Protein backbone atom coordinates (compact mmCIF):
# COMPACT_ATOMS: atom_id res chain seq x y z
CA MET A 1 127.16 213.03 135.87
CA PRO A 2 124.66 210.38 134.73
CA SER A 3 127.21 208.98 132.27
CA VAL A 4 129.79 208.68 135.08
CA ALA A 5 127.26 206.81 137.20
CA ALA A 6 126.29 204.62 134.24
CA ALA A 7 129.94 203.85 133.52
CA LEU A 8 130.50 203.01 137.18
CA VAL A 9 127.51 200.66 137.24
CA ALA A 10 128.41 199.06 133.89
CA GLY A 11 132.04 198.61 134.92
CA SER A 12 131.05 197.16 138.27
CA LEU A 13 128.55 194.72 136.77
CA ALA A 14 130.97 193.67 134.05
CA PHE A 15 133.82 193.07 136.47
CA VAL A 16 131.88 191.36 139.25
CA GLY A 17 129.86 189.25 136.83
CA ALA A 18 132.88 188.07 134.88
CA THR A 19 135.09 187.37 137.90
CA ALA A 20 132.68 186.18 140.61
CA ASP A 21 133.50 182.54 139.98
CA ASP A 22 137.19 183.32 140.38
CA LEU A 23 136.58 184.43 143.97
CA SER A 24 135.75 180.95 145.23
CA ALA A 25 138.58 179.39 143.23
CA LEU A 26 141.11 181.92 144.51
CA SER A 27 139.97 181.56 148.12
CA ALA A 28 140.27 177.77 147.88
CA GLN A 29 143.71 178.14 146.36
CA LEU A 30 144.78 180.57 149.07
CA ALA A 31 143.57 178.12 151.72
CA LEU A 32 145.97 175.54 150.28
CA THR A 33 148.85 178.00 150.02
CA GLU A 34 151.14 178.50 152.99
CA PRO A 35 150.63 181.96 154.51
CA ALA A 36 154.09 183.21 153.54
CA ARG A 37 153.31 182.70 149.83
CA ARG A 38 149.74 184.06 149.76
CA ARG A 39 150.83 187.59 148.89
CA ARG A 40 152.57 186.33 145.72
CA VAL A 41 149.50 184.35 144.71
CA ARG A 42 147.22 187.36 145.22
CA ARG A 43 149.62 189.54 143.25
CA ALA A 44 149.69 186.98 140.43
CA GLN A 45 145.88 186.93 140.36
CA ALA A 46 145.86 190.73 140.06
CA VAL A 47 148.43 190.58 137.25
CA GLY A 48 146.29 188.02 135.41
CA VAL A 49 143.21 190.25 135.70
CA ALA A 50 145.24 193.26 134.52
CA VAL A 51 146.38 191.29 131.46
CA LEU A 52 142.75 190.40 130.67
CA ALA A 53 141.68 194.04 131.03
CA ALA A 54 144.55 195.17 128.81
CA LEU A 55 143.59 192.57 126.22
CA ALA A 56 140.00 193.85 126.25
CA VAL A 57 141.24 197.43 125.81
CA VAL A 58 143.52 196.45 122.92
CA LEU A 59 140.72 194.53 121.22
CA GLY A 60 138.16 197.25 121.86
CA GLU A 61 140.41 200.01 120.56
CA THR A 62 141.74 197.99 117.61
CA LEU A 63 138.23 197.19 116.49
CA ARG A 64 136.95 200.79 116.53
CA ALA A 65 136.32 200.49 112.77
CA VAL A 66 133.82 197.69 113.41
CA PRO A 67 130.30 199.01 114.02
CA LEU A 68 129.33 198.88 117.69
CA ALA A 69 126.15 196.93 116.93
CA TRP A 70 128.25 194.00 115.68
CA PHE A 71 129.70 193.62 119.15
CA ALA A 72 126.23 192.60 120.32
CA LEU A 73 127.09 189.17 118.91
CA LEU A 74 129.51 188.80 121.81
CA ALA A 75 126.43 188.45 124.03
CA LEU A 76 126.27 184.88 122.73
CA PHE A 77 129.41 184.01 124.73
CA PRO A 78 127.98 184.75 128.18
CA LEU A 79 124.79 182.96 127.15
CA ALA A 80 126.83 179.90 126.20
CA PHE A 81 128.74 180.22 129.48
CA ALA A 82 125.38 180.40 131.29
CA VAL A 83 124.22 177.15 129.69
CA ARG A 84 127.51 175.47 130.59
CA ALA A 85 127.42 176.83 134.14
CA TRP A 86 123.84 175.63 134.56
CA SER A 87 124.67 172.14 133.32
CA THR A 88 127.75 171.86 135.58
CA ARG A 89 126.38 173.64 138.66
CA HIS A 90 126.42 170.43 140.73
CA HIS A 91 129.96 169.43 139.78
CA GLU A 92 132.38 170.00 142.58
CA ARG A 93 135.64 171.68 141.73
CA THR A 94 138.74 170.48 143.44
CA ALA A 95 141.21 173.14 144.41
CA ARG A 96 144.83 172.58 143.54
CA ARG A 97 147.78 174.32 145.03
CA ARG A 98 149.54 176.50 142.46
CA GLY A 99 152.38 178.95 142.55
CA ALA A 100 152.27 182.58 141.51
CA LEU A 101 153.15 182.02 137.84
CA ALA A 102 150.60 179.23 137.49
CA THR A 103 147.96 181.44 139.13
CA ALA A 104 148.57 184.27 136.65
CA LEU A 105 148.52 181.87 133.69
CA VAL A 106 145.34 180.11 134.85
CA THR A 107 143.65 183.49 135.41
CA VAL A 108 144.49 184.60 131.88
CA SER A 109 143.64 181.27 130.24
CA ALA A 110 140.30 181.02 132.02
CA GLY A 111 139.45 184.68 131.39
CA GLY A 112 137.74 184.32 128.04
CA ASP A 113 134.42 185.26 129.57
CA ALA A 114 135.92 188.46 130.98
CA VAL A 115 137.45 189.48 127.65
CA ALA A 116 134.18 188.71 125.83
CA VAL A 117 132.27 190.96 128.25
CA TRP A 118 134.84 193.71 128.69
CA THR A 119 135.67 194.22 124.99
CA PRO A 120 132.23 195.62 124.03
CA LEU A 121 132.29 197.76 127.17
CA VAL A 122 135.62 199.25 126.05
CA ARG A 123 134.45 199.59 122.45
CA GLY A 124 131.35 201.50 123.56
CA SER A 125 133.27 203.86 125.86
CA ASP A 126 135.03 207.12 125.25
CA ALA A 127 138.27 207.91 127.12
CA ALA A 128 136.60 209.54 130.14
CA ARG A 129 134.12 206.70 130.54
CA LEU A 130 136.94 204.18 130.17
CA VAL A 131 138.79 205.78 133.10
CA VAL A 132 135.68 205.35 135.28
CA VAL A 133 135.31 201.72 134.17
CA ALA A 134 138.99 201.07 134.92
CA ALA A 135 138.60 202.63 138.36
CA ALA A 136 135.61 200.37 139.05
CA PHE A 137 137.67 197.36 137.92
CA LEU A 138 140.50 198.32 140.27
CA VAL A 139 138.24 198.82 143.28
CA TRP A 140 136.41 195.52 142.68
CA GLU A 141 139.68 193.65 142.17
CA LEU A 142 140.96 194.92 145.52
CA ILE A 143 137.68 193.99 147.20
CA GLY A 144 137.79 190.54 145.58
CA LEU A 145 141.38 189.91 146.68
CA GLY A 146 140.51 190.95 150.23
CA ALA A 147 137.40 188.79 150.27
CA ALA A 148 139.30 185.77 148.89
CA THR A 149 141.96 186.20 151.55
CA GLY A 150 139.31 186.37 154.28
CA LEU A 151 137.48 183.34 152.88
CA ALA A 152 140.71 181.35 152.71
CA ARG A 153 140.78 181.37 156.49
CA ARG A 154 137.22 180.06 156.90
CA ASP A 155 136.34 176.65 155.47
CA ARG A 156 132.61 176.96 155.99
CA ALA A 157 132.39 180.40 154.36
CA ARG A 158 134.56 179.26 151.45
CA ARG A 159 132.31 176.25 150.84
CA TRP A 160 129.19 178.45 151.01
CA VAL A 161 130.66 180.92 148.49
CA GLY A 162 131.56 177.99 146.22
CA VAL A 163 127.97 176.70 146.27
CA ALA A 164 126.45 180.18 145.90
CA THR A 165 128.78 180.97 143.00
CA ALA A 166 127.97 177.71 141.22
CA ARG A 167 124.24 178.36 141.55
CA GLY A 168 124.43 182.06 140.74
CA ARG A 169 126.87 181.86 137.83
CA PRO A 170 124.18 181.17 135.17
CA ILE A 171 122.22 184.23 136.31
CA LEU A 172 125.37 186.38 136.26
CA TYR A 173 126.19 185.26 132.73
CA VAL A 174 122.69 186.08 131.48
CA ALA A 175 122.98 189.51 133.15
CA LEU A 176 126.31 190.00 131.39
CA ALA A 177 124.74 189.14 128.03
CA VAL A 178 122.09 191.78 128.69
CA LEU A 179 124.82 194.26 129.70
CA ILE A 180 126.62 193.65 126.40
CA LEU A 181 123.40 194.27 124.47
CA VAL A 182 122.80 197.49 126.40
CA GLU A 183 126.39 198.67 125.91
CA CYS A 184 126.10 197.98 122.17
CA HIS A 185 122.84 199.96 122.07
CA THR A 186 120.95 196.87 120.89
CA LEU A 187 118.55 196.91 123.84
């Protein structure tokens, strides 16, 4: 049971940490999208996240021959993302209205941080642990989509989440770097 709990915690931290900044962007986008099209945009976001998770699984499984300790080098990516997030934390992002296809493509193209974090998690997991991680991803994706939809209706809450995300993103990225090191048995 402890390994199930550890996989649940690791999967939750990896997913929430790598996608937290997407919550404010998606909620801003949904606020600009007419209500009749919001479902398609949410679906496209979910498809983009599924593509990123599949890419991490393919990379993690393909690279089974590579020693797990080498994946610890991927911790450098979240650290670099943390430095960038810290240096741009006061820059305001402007939301643009996009359709469903553009949403899915933007999610995938901006998901390098997720793939960098999720690949070592996959590589360090056996099949049973991977199922638990995938379940955590699914639950958190549904929670994130629901939260983004709720935030899209409230300007003040959406702005607060945007500011909190910008300030908290560097901390999340450092935590993700530590998670990678733990998953690779380096720490």
